[in-house]
């Protein structure tokens, strides 16, 4: 009797559902450019001064977070993969358009608590990031390798790609958490986390660390 061939189930999400734009402030600049009327990728490229590759990463991240939408669809509805379609008098015009969430982002001062809160909520709302969102924004940063393993489970991306995307998300964590937690993450990376915590603290409950 032939042994049944083992096959991995199809991935739940596509690799493009995981952001790869390292600089969240540069993603904000893309949203600002779109809201200012630069609705084509060529116009965004000229407005932001980014390389084409990084511009594409940032546009995709803005779409994933529901800050901008593509196409000419009307109304304001959540997409299947977590983004948002919004309307702002731009129905019928092709290209990229800022959503209500994107305009709300621009209304908050950069690096303000209100901006951090909005962005954390946006990340939690992305279907492909929901399995890791609780750990990503927990009191201790998850290990990069643990994040990469979770990403590979749902997307079947290559290990090196998963590690790279995990590094991006950890960078977002440092940007979107409170200043105190961001400082602690930096100390953990420098190998000083145990000294800061003190002898009585324990972080074994979470997949935490500073890899």
N, C-alpha and C. Protein backbone atom coordinates (compact mmCIF):
# COMPACT_ATOMS: atom_id res chain seq x y z
N UNK A 1 0.84 -1.19 0.00
CA UNK A 1 0.00 0.00 0.00
C UNK A 1 0.88 1.25 0.00
N UNK A 2 0.60 2.11 -0.93
CA UNK A 2 1.42 3.31 -1.03
C UNK A 2 1.12 4.28 0.09
N UNK A 3 2.18 4.85 0.59
CA UNK A 3 2.02 5.83 1.65
C UNK A 3 1.49 7.13 1.07
N UNK A 4 0.45 7.66 1.72
CA UNK A 4 -0.16 8.90 1.23
C UNK A 4 0.85 10.04 1.30
N UNK A 5 0.89 10.81 0.25
CA UNK A 5 1.83 11.94 0.19
C UNK A 5 1.35 13.06 1.10
N UNK A 6 2.26 13.54 1.91
CA UNK A 6 1.92 14.64 2.82
C UNK A 6 2.09 15.97 2.09
N UNK A 7 1.06 16.74 2.18
CA UNK A 7 1.09 18.05 1.54
C UNK A 7 0.72 19.12 2.55
N UNK A 8 1.45 20.20 2.49
CA UNK A 8 1.12 21.33 3.38
C UNK A 8 -0.14 21.99 2.88
N UNK A 9 -0.99 22.44 3.80
CA UNK A 9 -2.21 23.12 3.36
C UNK A 9 -1.87 24.43 2.66
N UNK A 10 -2.76 24.91 1.81
CA UNK A 10 -2.48 26.18 1.13
C UNK A 10 -2.35 27.31 2.16
N UNK A 11 -1.54 28.32 1.87
CA UNK A 11 -1.35 29.41 2.83
C UNK A 11 -2.64 30.19 3.05
N UNK A 12 -2.81 30.65 4.28
CA UNK A 12 -3.99 31.43 4.62
C UNK A 12 -3.91 32.83 4.02
N UNK A 13 -2.69 33.35 3.94
CA UNK A 13 -2.48 34.70 3.42
C UNK A 13 -1.36 34.69 2.39
N UNK A 14 -1.34 35.73 1.58
CA UNK A 14 -0.29 35.89 0.58
C UNK A 14 0.88 36.67 1.19
N UNK A 15 2.04 36.46 0.63
CA UNK A 15 3.23 37.15 1.13
C UNK A 15 3.07 38.67 1.06
N UNK A 16 2.31 39.17 0.07
CA UNK A 16 2.14 40.62 -0.07
C UNK A 16 1.25 41.20 1.02
N UNK A 17 0.62 40.34 1.84
CA UNK A 17 -0.21 40.83 2.94
C UNK A 17 0.61 41.23 4.16
N UNK A 18 1.90 40.93 4.15
CA UNK A 18 2.79 41.26 5.26
C UNK A 18 3.64 42.44 4.85
N UNK A 19 3.55 43.56 5.57
CA UNK A 19 4.28 44.77 5.15
C UNK A 19 5.79 44.58 5.19
N UNK A 20 6.47 45.29 4.29
CA UNK A 20 7.94 45.26 4.26
C UNK A 20 8.55 46.65 4.23
N UNK A 21 7.75 47.67 4.52
CA UNK A 21 8.26 49.04 4.61
C UNK A 21 8.77 49.27 6.03
N UNK A 22 10.06 49.47 6.18
CA UNK A 22 10.64 49.59 7.52
C UNK A 22 10.24 50.88 8.23
N UNK A 23 10.15 51.96 7.50
CA UNK A 23 9.96 53.29 8.08
C UNK A 23 8.49 53.68 8.04
N UNK A 24 7.81 53.59 9.17
CA UNK A 24 6.39 53.91 9.22
C UNK A 24 6.14 55.39 8.95
N UNK A 25 7.11 56.25 9.27
CA UNK A 25 6.95 57.67 8.98
C UNK A 25 7.00 57.93 7.47
N UNK A 26 7.76 57.11 6.75
CA UNK A 26 7.79 57.22 5.30
C UNK A 26 6.47 56.75 4.70
N UNK A 27 5.81 55.79 5.35
CA UNK A 27 4.48 55.38 4.91
C UNK A 27 3.50 56.53 5.10
N UNK A 28 3.64 57.24 6.21
CA UNK A 28 2.80 58.42 6.45
C UNK A 28 3.02 59.46 5.35
N UNK A 29 4.27 59.64 4.92
CA UNK A 29 4.55 60.60 3.86
C UNK A 29 3.85 60.22 2.56
N UNK A 30 3.73 58.93 2.30
CA UNK A 30 3.00 58.47 1.12
C UNK A 30 1.52 58.82 1.25
N UNK A 31 0.95 58.58 2.43
CA UNK A 31 -0.46 58.91 2.65
C UNK A 31 -0.68 60.41 2.47
N UNK A 32 0.24 61.21 2.99
CA UNK A 32 0.13 62.67 2.85
C UNK A 32 0.21 63.08 1.38
N UNK A 33 1.09 62.43 0.63
CA UNK A 33 1.21 62.74 -0.79
C UNK A 33 -0.07 62.40 -1.54
N UNK A 34 -0.65 61.25 -1.21
CA UNK A 34 -1.91 60.84 -1.85
C UNK A 34 -3.03 61.83 -1.51
N UNK A 35 -3.12 62.21 -0.26
CA UNK A 35 -4.16 63.15 0.16
C UNK A 35 -3.96 64.51 -0.50
N UNK A 36 -2.72 64.85 -0.82
CA UNK A 36 -2.42 66.12 -1.48
C UNK A 36 -2.72 66.08 -2.98
N UNK A 37 -3.13 64.91 -3.48
CA UNK A 37 -3.52 64.82 -4.87
C UNK A 37 -2.58 64.04 -5.77
N UNK A 38 -1.51 63.50 -5.19
CA UNK A 38 -0.57 62.69 -5.98
C UNK A 38 -1.07 61.25 -6.02
N UNK A 39 -1.99 60.97 -6.91
CA UNK A 39 -2.71 59.70 -6.86
C UNK A 39 -2.09 58.59 -7.70
N UNK A 40 -1.09 58.89 -8.49
CA UNK A 40 -0.41 57.85 -9.26
C UNK A 40 0.92 57.52 -8.59
N UNK A 41 1.43 56.33 -8.86
CA UNK A 41 2.71 55.94 -8.26
C UNK A 41 3.84 56.84 -8.76
N UNK A 42 3.77 57.27 -10.00
CA UNK A 42 4.79 58.16 -10.51
C UNK A 42 4.78 59.49 -9.78
N UNK A 43 3.58 60.00 -9.51
CA UNK A 43 3.47 61.27 -8.79
C UNK A 43 3.95 61.13 -7.35
N UNK A 44 3.64 60.00 -6.72
CA UNK A 44 4.09 59.76 -5.35
C UNK A 44 5.61 59.66 -5.32
N UNK A 45 6.17 59.00 -6.32
CA UNK A 45 7.63 58.87 -6.40
C UNK A 45 8.29 60.24 -6.46
N UNK A 46 7.73 61.13 -7.28
CA UNK A 46 8.29 62.46 -7.40
C UNK A 46 8.08 63.28 -6.13
N UNK A 47 6.93 63.10 -5.49
CA UNK A 47 6.61 63.91 -4.30
C UNK A 47 7.42 63.50 -3.08
N UNK A 48 7.73 62.22 -2.96
CA UNK A 48 8.41 61.74 -1.75
C UNK A 48 9.91 61.63 -1.92
N UNK A 49 10.39 61.55 -3.16
CA UNK A 49 11.83 61.42 -3.39
C UNK A 49 12.39 60.07 -3.05
N UNK A 50 11.53 59.07 -2.89
CA UNK A 50 11.99 57.73 -2.56
C UNK A 50 12.45 57.00 -3.81
N UNK A 51 13.17 55.91 -3.63
CA UNK A 51 13.45 55.03 -4.75
C UNK A 51 12.16 54.33 -5.14
N UNK A 52 12.09 53.85 -6.36
CA UNK A 52 10.85 53.19 -6.80
C UNK A 52 10.54 51.97 -5.95
N UNK A 53 11.55 51.20 -5.62
CA UNK A 53 11.32 50.00 -4.81
C UNK A 53 10.75 50.34 -3.45
N UNK A 54 11.36 51.31 -2.77
CA UNK A 54 10.86 51.68 -1.45
C UNK A 54 9.50 52.36 -1.52
N UNK A 55 9.26 53.11 -2.59
CA UNK A 55 7.94 53.71 -2.77
C UNK A 55 6.88 52.62 -2.88
N UNK A 56 7.18 51.56 -3.63
CA UNK A 56 6.22 50.46 -3.77
C UNK A 56 5.96 49.78 -2.43
N UNK A 57 7.02 49.57 -1.64
CA UNK A 57 6.85 48.99 -0.31
C UNK A 57 5.92 49.85 0.55
N UNK A 58 6.12 51.15 0.49
CA UNK A 58 5.37 52.06 1.35
C UNK A 58 3.91 52.20 0.91
N UNK A 59 3.70 52.22 -0.39
CA UNK A 59 2.33 52.24 -0.88
C UNK A 59 1.60 50.97 -0.46
N UNK A 60 2.26 49.85 -0.61
CA UNK A 60 1.64 48.58 -0.23
C UNK A 60 1.33 48.56 1.27
N UNK A 61 2.25 49.06 2.09
CA UNK A 61 2.00 49.11 3.53
C UNK A 61 0.81 50.00 3.84
N UNK A 62 0.69 51.14 3.15
CA UNK A 62 -0.44 52.03 3.37
C UNK A 62 -1.76 51.36 3.00
N UNK A 63 -1.73 50.56 1.93
CA UNK A 63 -2.93 49.82 1.53
C UNK A 63 -3.26 48.75 2.56
N UNK A 64 -2.25 48.01 3.01
CA UNK A 64 -2.46 46.96 4.01
C UNK A 64 -3.09 47.54 5.27
N UNK A 65 -2.61 48.69 5.71
CA UNK A 65 -3.11 49.33 6.93
C UNK A 65 -4.45 50.02 6.73
N UNK A 66 -4.93 50.07 5.50
CA UNK A 66 -6.20 50.72 5.25
C UNK A 66 -6.13 52.23 5.23
N UNK A 67 -4.93 52.77 4.97
CA UNK A 67 -4.75 54.22 4.94
C UNK A 67 -5.01 54.81 3.56
N UNK A 68 -4.78 54.03 2.53
CA UNK A 68 -5.12 54.43 1.17
C UNK A 68 -5.79 53.25 0.49
N UNK A 69 -6.51 53.55 -0.57
CA UNK A 69 -7.16 52.51 -1.35
C UNK A 69 -6.82 52.71 -2.82
N UNK A 70 -6.93 51.64 -3.55
CA UNK A 70 -6.70 51.69 -4.99
C UNK A 70 -8.01 51.49 -5.74
N UNK A 71 -8.14 52.11 -6.91
CA UNK A 71 -9.31 51.90 -7.73
C UNK A 71 -10.31 53.03 -7.61
N UNK A 72 -11.55 52.72 -8.00
CA UNK A 72 -12.59 53.75 -8.04
C UNK A 72 -13.84 53.32 -7.30
N UNK A 73 -13.74 52.31 -6.43
CA UNK A 73 -14.92 51.80 -5.74
C UNK A 73 -15.49 52.87 -4.83
N UNK A 74 -16.80 52.83 -4.64
CA UNK A 74 -17.49 53.83 -3.82
C UNK A 74 -17.73 53.30 -2.42
N UNK A 75 -18.03 54.20 -1.52
CA UNK A 75 -18.41 53.82 -0.17
C UNK A 75 -17.21 53.67 0.73
N UNK A 76 -17.44 53.15 1.92
CA UNK A 76 -16.39 52.96 2.91
C UNK A 76 -16.62 51.61 3.57
N UNK A 77 -15.96 50.57 3.07
CA UNK A 77 -16.16 49.23 3.57
C UNK A 77 -14.83 48.57 3.83
N UNK A 78 -14.82 47.66 4.78
CA UNK A 78 -13.58 46.95 5.10
C UNK A 78 -13.35 45.88 4.04
N UNK A 79 -12.11 45.77 3.59
CA UNK A 79 -11.79 44.77 2.59
C UNK A 79 -11.56 43.43 3.25
N UNK A 80 -11.49 42.39 2.42
CA UNK A 80 -11.33 41.04 2.94
C UNK A 80 -10.03 40.87 3.68
N UNK A 81 -8.98 41.57 3.28
CA UNK A 81 -7.67 41.38 3.90
C UNK A 81 -7.35 42.45 4.94
N UNK A 82 -8.35 43.22 5.36
CA UNK A 82 -8.11 44.09 6.49
C UNK A 82 -8.00 45.55 6.15
N UNK A 83 -7.85 45.93 4.89
CA UNK A 83 -7.78 47.33 4.52
C UNK A 83 -9.16 47.95 4.50
N UNK A 84 -9.22 49.24 4.16
CA UNK A 84 -10.49 49.95 4.15
C UNK A 84 -10.64 50.69 2.85
N UNK A 85 -11.83 50.57 2.26
CA UNK A 85 -12.18 51.40 1.12
C UNK A 85 -12.92 52.61 1.66
N UNK A 86 -12.47 53.81 1.32
CA UNK A 86 -13.13 55.01 1.80
C UNK A 86 -13.54 55.90 0.66
N UNK A 87 -14.43 56.84 0.94
CA UNK A 87 -14.87 57.77 -0.09
C UNK A 87 -14.70 59.18 0.41
N UNK A 88 -14.19 60.05 -0.44
CA UNK A 88 -13.96 61.43 -0.04
C UNK A 88 -14.16 62.33 -1.26
N UNK A 89 -15.28 62.06 -1.96
CA UNK A 89 -15.55 62.83 -3.16
C UNK A 89 -14.67 62.45 -4.32
N UNK A 90 -14.05 61.26 -4.30
CA UNK A 90 -13.14 60.88 -5.36
C UNK A 90 -13.66 59.69 -6.17
N UNK A 91 -14.96 59.35 -6.02
CA UNK A 91 -15.51 58.24 -6.76
C UNK A 91 -15.33 58.47 -8.26
N UNK A 92 -15.00 57.42 -8.97
CA UNK A 92 -14.87 57.52 -10.41
C UNK A 92 -13.48 57.89 -10.87
N UNK A 93 -12.61 58.37 -9.97
CA UNK A 93 -11.26 58.74 -10.37
C UNK A 93 -10.32 57.56 -10.11
N UNK A 94 -9.59 57.10 -11.11
CA UNK A 94 -8.67 55.98 -10.89
C UNK A 94 -7.46 56.43 -10.08
N UNK A 95 -6.75 55.45 -9.52
CA UNK A 95 -5.53 55.76 -8.80
C UNK A 95 -5.65 55.44 -7.32
N UNK A 96 -4.81 56.08 -6.52
CA UNK A 96 -4.78 55.89 -5.08
C UNK A 96 -5.52 57.03 -4.40
N UNK A 97 -6.24 56.70 -3.33
CA UNK A 97 -7.00 57.71 -2.61
C UNK A 97 -6.90 57.46 -1.11
N UNK A 98 -6.75 58.52 -0.33
CA UNK A 98 -6.69 58.39 1.12
C UNK A 98 -8.06 58.00 1.66
N UNK A 99 -8.08 57.12 2.64
CA UNK A 99 -9.31 56.71 3.29
C UNK A 99 -9.58 57.61 4.50
N UNK A 100 -10.71 57.42 5.12
CA UNK A 100 -11.00 58.17 6.35
C UNK A 100 -9.95 57.88 7.41
N UNK A 101 -9.53 56.62 7.49
CA UNK A 101 -8.50 56.26 8.46
C UNK A 101 -7.19 56.96 8.13
N UNK A 102 -6.86 57.02 6.86
CA UNK A 102 -5.63 57.70 6.45
C UNK A 102 -5.66 59.17 6.80
N UNK A 103 -6.79 59.81 6.58
CA UNK A 103 -6.89 61.23 6.93
C UNK A 103 -6.87 61.43 8.44
N UNK A 104 -7.43 60.48 9.18
CA UNK A 104 -7.34 60.56 10.64
C UNK A 104 -5.89 60.47 11.09
N UNK A 105 -5.12 59.60 10.44
CA UNK A 105 -3.70 59.49 10.77
C UNK A 105 -3.01 60.83 10.57
N UNK A 106 -3.25 61.45 9.43
CA UNK A 106 -2.60 62.73 9.14
C UNK A 106 -3.03 63.83 10.09
N UNK A 107 -4.19 63.68 10.71
CA UNK A 107 -4.68 64.72 11.63
C UNK A 107 -3.96 64.68 12.98
N UNK A 108 -3.29 63.57 13.28
CA UNK A 108 -2.57 63.45 14.56
C UNK A 108 -1.11 63.85 14.37
N UNK A 109 -0.52 64.56 15.32
CA UNK A 109 0.90 64.90 15.22
C UNK A 109 1.75 63.64 15.16
N UNK A 110 2.80 63.66 14.35
CA UNK A 110 3.70 62.49 14.29
C UNK A 110 4.27 62.16 15.67
N UNK A 111 4.33 60.87 15.98
CA UNK A 111 4.89 60.34 17.23
C UNK A 111 4.08 60.74 18.46
N UNK A 112 2.86 61.18 18.26
CA UNK A 112 1.99 61.48 19.40
C UNK A 112 1.34 60.19 19.89
N UNK A 113 0.83 60.22 21.13
CA UNK A 113 0.14 59.04 21.66
C UNK A 113 -1.07 58.70 20.81
N UNK A 114 -1.77 59.72 20.33
CA UNK A 114 -2.95 59.47 19.50
C UNK A 114 -2.56 58.78 18.20
N UNK A 115 -1.46 59.19 17.61
CA UNK A 115 -1.00 58.54 16.38
C UNK A 115 -0.60 57.10 16.66
N UNK A 116 0.13 56.86 17.73
CA UNK A 116 0.54 55.49 18.06
C UNK A 116 -0.67 54.60 18.26
N UNK A 117 -1.67 55.11 18.98
CA UNK A 117 -2.87 54.33 19.24
C UNK A 117 -3.61 53.98 17.95
N UNK A 118 -3.73 54.95 17.05
CA UNK A 118 -4.41 54.70 15.78
C UNK A 118 -3.66 53.65 14.96
N UNK A 119 -2.35 53.73 14.93
CA UNK A 119 -1.57 52.80 14.14
C UNK A 119 -1.59 51.39 14.73
N UNK A 120 -1.55 51.29 16.05
CA UNK A 120 -1.66 49.96 16.66
C UNK A 120 -3.00 49.32 16.31
N UNK A 121 -4.06 50.12 16.36
CA UNK A 121 -5.39 49.60 16.00
C UNK A 121 -5.42 49.17 14.54
N UNK A 122 -4.76 49.94 13.68
CA UNK A 122 -4.73 49.59 12.26
C UNK A 122 -4.00 48.27 12.04
N UNK A 123 -2.88 48.07 12.73
CA UNK A 123 -2.14 46.82 12.60
C UNK A 123 -2.99 45.65 13.10
N UNK A 124 -3.65 45.84 14.24
CA UNK A 124 -4.50 44.77 14.77
C UNK A 124 -5.65 44.42 13.83
N UNK A 125 -6.05 45.38 13.01
CA UNK A 125 -7.16 45.16 12.10
C UNK A 125 -6.77 44.45 10.81
N UNK A 126 -5.48 44.24 10.59
CA UNK A 126 -5.02 43.56 9.38
C UNK A 126 -5.14 42.05 9.61
N UNK A 127 -5.92 41.38 8.79
CA UNK A 127 -6.20 39.96 9.00
C UNK A 127 -4.92 39.13 9.08
N UNK A 128 -3.96 39.41 8.22
CA UNK A 128 -2.72 38.62 8.19
C UNK A 128 -1.84 38.84 9.41
N UNK A 129 -2.07 39.94 10.14
CA UNK A 129 -1.26 40.25 11.32
C UNK A 129 -1.96 39.93 12.64
N UNK A 130 -3.23 39.59 12.58
CA UNK A 130 -3.97 39.31 13.82
C UNK A 130 -3.37 38.19 14.64
N UNK A 131 -2.87 37.10 14.02
CA UNK A 131 -2.31 36.02 14.84
C UNK A 131 -1.10 36.44 15.68
N UNK A 132 -0.41 37.52 15.30
CA UNK A 132 0.79 37.93 16.03
C UNK A 132 0.63 39.27 16.72
N UNK A 133 -0.50 39.94 16.53
CA UNK A 133 -0.65 41.30 17.03
C UNK A 133 -0.54 41.39 18.55
N UNK A 134 -1.14 40.44 19.26
CA UNK A 134 -1.10 40.49 20.72
C UNK A 134 0.33 40.40 21.23
N UNK A 135 1.11 39.49 20.65
CA UNK A 135 2.51 39.37 21.06
C UNK A 135 3.33 40.56 20.61
N UNK A 136 3.04 41.06 19.41
CA UNK A 136 3.81 42.18 18.87
C UNK A 136 3.69 43.42 19.76
N UNK A 137 2.49 43.65 20.32
CA UNK A 137 2.28 44.83 21.15
C UNK A 137 2.17 44.49 22.63
N UNK A 138 2.73 43.36 23.02
CA UNK A 138 2.74 42.98 24.43
C UNK A 138 3.79 43.76 25.21
N UNK A 139 3.87 43.50 26.51
CA UNK A 139 4.82 44.25 27.35
C UNK A 139 6.28 43.95 27.04
N UNK A 140 6.55 42.78 26.45
CA UNK A 140 7.90 42.45 26.02
C UNK A 140 7.89 42.14 24.54
N UNK A 141 8.88 42.59 23.82
CA UNK A 141 8.96 42.32 22.39
C UNK A 141 9.15 40.83 22.14
N UNK A 142 8.40 40.25 21.20
CA UNK A 142 8.61 38.84 20.87
C UNK A 142 9.95 38.66 20.16
N UNK A 143 10.44 37.46 20.19
CA UNK A 143 11.69 37.17 19.49
C UNK A 143 11.46 37.23 17.98
N UNK A 144 12.46 37.70 17.29
CA UNK A 144 12.36 37.80 15.84
C UNK A 144 12.11 36.45 15.20
N UNK A 145 12.82 35.41 15.68
CA UNK A 145 12.65 34.09 15.08
C UNK A 145 11.25 33.54 15.34
N UNK A 146 10.69 33.84 16.51
CA UNK A 146 9.32 33.40 16.80
C UNK A 146 8.35 34.07 15.84
N UNK A 147 8.50 35.37 15.63
CA UNK A 147 7.64 36.07 14.69
C UNK A 147 7.77 35.48 13.29
N UNK A 148 9.00 35.21 12.87
CA UNK A 148 9.23 34.66 11.55
C UNK A 148 8.54 33.32 11.39
N UNK A 149 8.58 32.50 12.43
CA UNK A 149 7.92 31.20 12.38
C UNK A 149 6.42 31.34 12.22
N UNK A 150 5.83 32.29 12.94
CA UNK A 150 4.39 32.52 12.81
C UNK A 150 4.03 32.99 11.40
N UNK A 151 4.84 33.87 10.85
CA UNK A 151 4.58 34.37 9.50
C UNK A 151 4.68 33.24 8.47
N UNK A 152 5.64 32.36 8.64
CA UNK A 152 5.79 31.24 7.72
C UNK A 152 4.61 30.29 7.83
N UNK A 153 4.03 30.17 9.00
CA UNK A 153 2.89 29.28 9.19
C UNK A 153 1.69 29.71 8.37
N UNK A 154 1.47 31.02 8.27
CA UNK A 154 0.27 31.51 7.60
C UNK A 154 0.50 31.94 6.16
N UNK A 155 1.75 32.10 5.75
CA UNK A 155 2.01 32.57 4.39
C UNK A 155 2.89 31.62 3.57
N UNK A 156 3.60 30.71 4.22
CA UNK A 156 4.53 29.81 3.54
C UNK A 156 5.67 30.56 2.85
N UNK A 157 6.02 31.74 3.35
CA UNK A 157 7.15 32.47 2.77
C UNK A 157 8.46 31.81 3.17
N UNK A 158 9.50 32.08 2.41
CA UNK A 158 10.81 31.53 2.70
C UNK A 158 11.31 32.04 4.06
N UNK A 159 12.18 31.25 4.69
CA UNK A 159 12.64 31.61 6.03
C UNK A 159 13.34 32.96 6.04
N UNK A 160 14.23 33.20 5.10
CA UNK A 160 14.96 34.47 5.08
C UNK A 160 14.00 35.64 4.90
N UNK A 161 12.97 35.47 4.07
CA UNK A 161 11.97 36.52 3.87
C UNK A 161 11.18 36.75 5.15
N UNK A 162 10.81 35.65 5.83
CA UNK A 162 10.05 35.77 7.06
C UNK A 162 10.84 36.51 8.14
N UNK A 163 12.13 36.21 8.24
CA UNK A 163 12.98 36.89 9.22
C UNK A 163 13.06 38.38 8.89
N UNK A 164 13.17 38.69 7.62
CA UNK A 164 13.23 40.10 7.20
C UNK A 164 11.93 40.83 7.55
N UNK A 165 10.79 40.21 7.27
CA UNK A 165 9.51 40.84 7.59
C UNK A 165 9.32 40.96 9.10
N UNK A 166 9.80 39.96 9.84
CA UNK A 166 9.72 40.03 11.30
C UNK A 166 10.52 41.22 11.83
N UNK A 167 11.68 41.47 11.24
CA UNK A 167 12.49 42.63 11.65
C UNK A 167 11.74 43.93 11.38
N UNK A 168 11.04 43.99 10.24
CA UNK A 168 10.24 45.17 9.93
C UNK A 168 9.18 45.39 10.99
N UNK A 169 8.48 44.33 11.36
CA UNK A 169 7.40 44.47 12.34
C UNK A 169 7.93 44.84 13.72
N UNK A 170 9.09 44.34 14.08
CA UNK A 170 9.68 44.73 15.36
C UNK A 170 10.09 46.20 15.34
N UNK A 171 10.53 46.69 14.18
CA UNK A 171 10.80 48.12 14.05
C UNK A 171 9.53 48.94 14.21
N UNK A 172 8.43 48.44 13.67
CA UNK A 172 7.15 49.12 13.86
C UNK A 172 6.77 49.13 15.33
N UNK A 173 7.01 48.02 16.01
CA UNK A 173 6.68 47.97 17.44
C UNK A 173 7.41 49.08 18.20
N UNK A 174 8.71 49.21 17.94
CA UNK A 174 9.48 50.24 18.65
C UNK A 174 8.94 51.64 18.37
N UNK A 175 8.43 51.84 17.18
CA UNK A 175 7.89 53.15 16.79
C UNK A 175 6.50 53.38 17.38
N UNK A 176 5.71 52.31 17.55
CA UNK A 176 4.31 52.47 17.92
C UNK A 176 4.00 52.25 19.40
N UNK A 177 4.95 51.74 20.15
CA UNK A 177 4.73 51.56 21.58
C UNK A 177 5.11 52.83 22.33
N UNK A 178 4.82 52.84 23.62
CA UNK A 178 5.17 54.00 24.43
C UNK A 178 6.67 54.18 24.45
N UNK A 179 7.11 55.37 24.79
CA UNK A 179 8.54 55.65 24.81
C UNK A 179 9.26 54.76 25.82
N UNK A 180 8.58 54.48 26.96
CA UNK A 180 9.21 53.66 27.98
C UNK A 180 9.46 52.24 27.47
N UNK A 181 8.43 51.63 26.81
CA UNK A 181 8.60 50.28 26.31
C UNK A 181 9.60 50.24 25.16
N UNK A 182 9.60 51.27 24.34
CA UNK A 182 10.57 51.33 23.24
C UNK A 182 11.98 51.38 23.79
N UNK A 183 12.19 52.15 24.85
CA UNK A 183 13.50 52.23 25.48
C UNK A 183 13.90 50.88 26.06
N UNK A 184 12.93 50.19 26.67
CA UNK A 184 13.22 48.89 27.25
C UNK A 184 13.63 47.90 26.15
N UNK A 185 12.92 47.93 25.01
CA UNK A 185 13.29 47.05 23.89
C UNK A 185 14.73 47.30 23.47
N UNK A 186 15.12 48.57 23.42
CA UNK A 186 16.49 48.90 23.03
C UNK A 186 17.50 48.35 24.03
N UNK A 187 17.15 48.41 25.31
CA UNK A 187 18.05 47.89 26.34
C UNK A 187 18.15 46.37 26.26
N UNK A 188 17.03 45.71 25.94
CA UNK A 188 17.07 44.26 25.76
C UNK A 188 17.98 43.89 24.62
N UNK A 189 17.88 44.61 23.50
CA UNK A 189 18.74 44.34 22.35
C UNK A 189 20.21 44.53 22.71
N UNK A 190 20.46 45.46 23.64
CA UNK A 190 21.84 45.71 24.06
C UNK A 190 22.30 44.75 25.15
N UNK A 191 21.41 43.81 25.54
CA UNK A 191 21.76 42.84 26.56
C UNK A 191 21.63 43.34 27.97
N UNK A 192 20.88 44.44 28.18
CA UNK A 192 20.75 45.02 29.50
C UNK A 192 19.35 44.85 30.09
N UNK A 193 18.51 44.06 29.41
CA UNK A 193 17.13 43.91 29.88
C UNK A 193 17.03 43.33 31.27
N UNK A 194 17.85 42.32 31.58
CA UNK A 194 17.79 41.71 32.90
C UNK A 194 18.19 42.67 33.99
N UNK A 195 19.15 43.52 33.69
CA UNK A 195 19.59 44.51 34.68
C UNK A 195 18.49 45.50 34.98
N UNK A 196 17.73 45.90 33.94
CA UNK A 196 16.65 46.86 34.14
C UNK A 196 15.50 46.23 34.88
N UNK A 197 15.16 44.97 34.54
CA UNK A 197 14.01 44.31 35.15
C UNK A 197 14.21 44.10 36.64
N UNK A 198 15.41 43.75 37.02
CA UNK A 198 15.65 43.41 38.41
C UNK A 198 15.53 41.92 38.63
N UNK A 199 15.97 41.46 39.77
CA UNK A 199 16.05 40.03 40.01
C UNK A 199 14.69 39.37 40.10
N UNK A 200 13.65 40.09 40.50
CA UNK A 200 12.36 39.45 40.74
C UNK A 200 11.47 39.34 39.53
N UNK A 201 11.79 39.96 38.42
CA UNK A 201 10.90 39.98 37.26
C UNK A 201 11.07 38.70 36.45
N UNK A 202 9.98 38.30 35.80
CA UNK A 202 10.02 37.12 34.95
C UNK A 202 9.24 37.38 33.69
N UNK A 203 9.77 36.96 32.56
CA UNK A 203 9.09 37.19 31.29
C UNK A 203 8.89 35.88 30.54
N UNK A 204 8.80 34.76 31.30
CA UNK A 204 8.72 33.46 30.65
C UNK A 204 7.36 33.20 30.02
N UNK A 205 6.36 33.98 30.38
CA UNK A 205 5.01 33.73 29.87
C UNK A 205 4.84 34.11 28.42
N UNK A 206 5.70 34.96 27.90
CA UNK A 206 5.57 35.41 26.52
C UNK A 206 6.79 34.96 25.70
N UNK A 207 6.60 34.83 24.39
CA UNK A 207 7.74 34.50 23.53
C UNK A 207 8.62 35.72 23.33
N UNK A 208 9.20 36.18 24.43
CA UNK A 208 9.87 37.48 24.40
C UNK A 208 11.38 37.31 24.34
N UNK A 209 12.03 38.42 24.03
CA UNK A 209 13.47 38.44 24.00
C UNK A 209 13.96 39.54 23.13
N UNK A 210 15.23 39.54 22.85
CA UNK A 210 15.78 40.63 22.07
C UNK A 210 16.61 40.18 20.90
N UNK A 211 16.16 39.08 20.23
CA UNK A 211 16.95 38.60 19.10
C UNK A 211 16.86 39.56 17.95
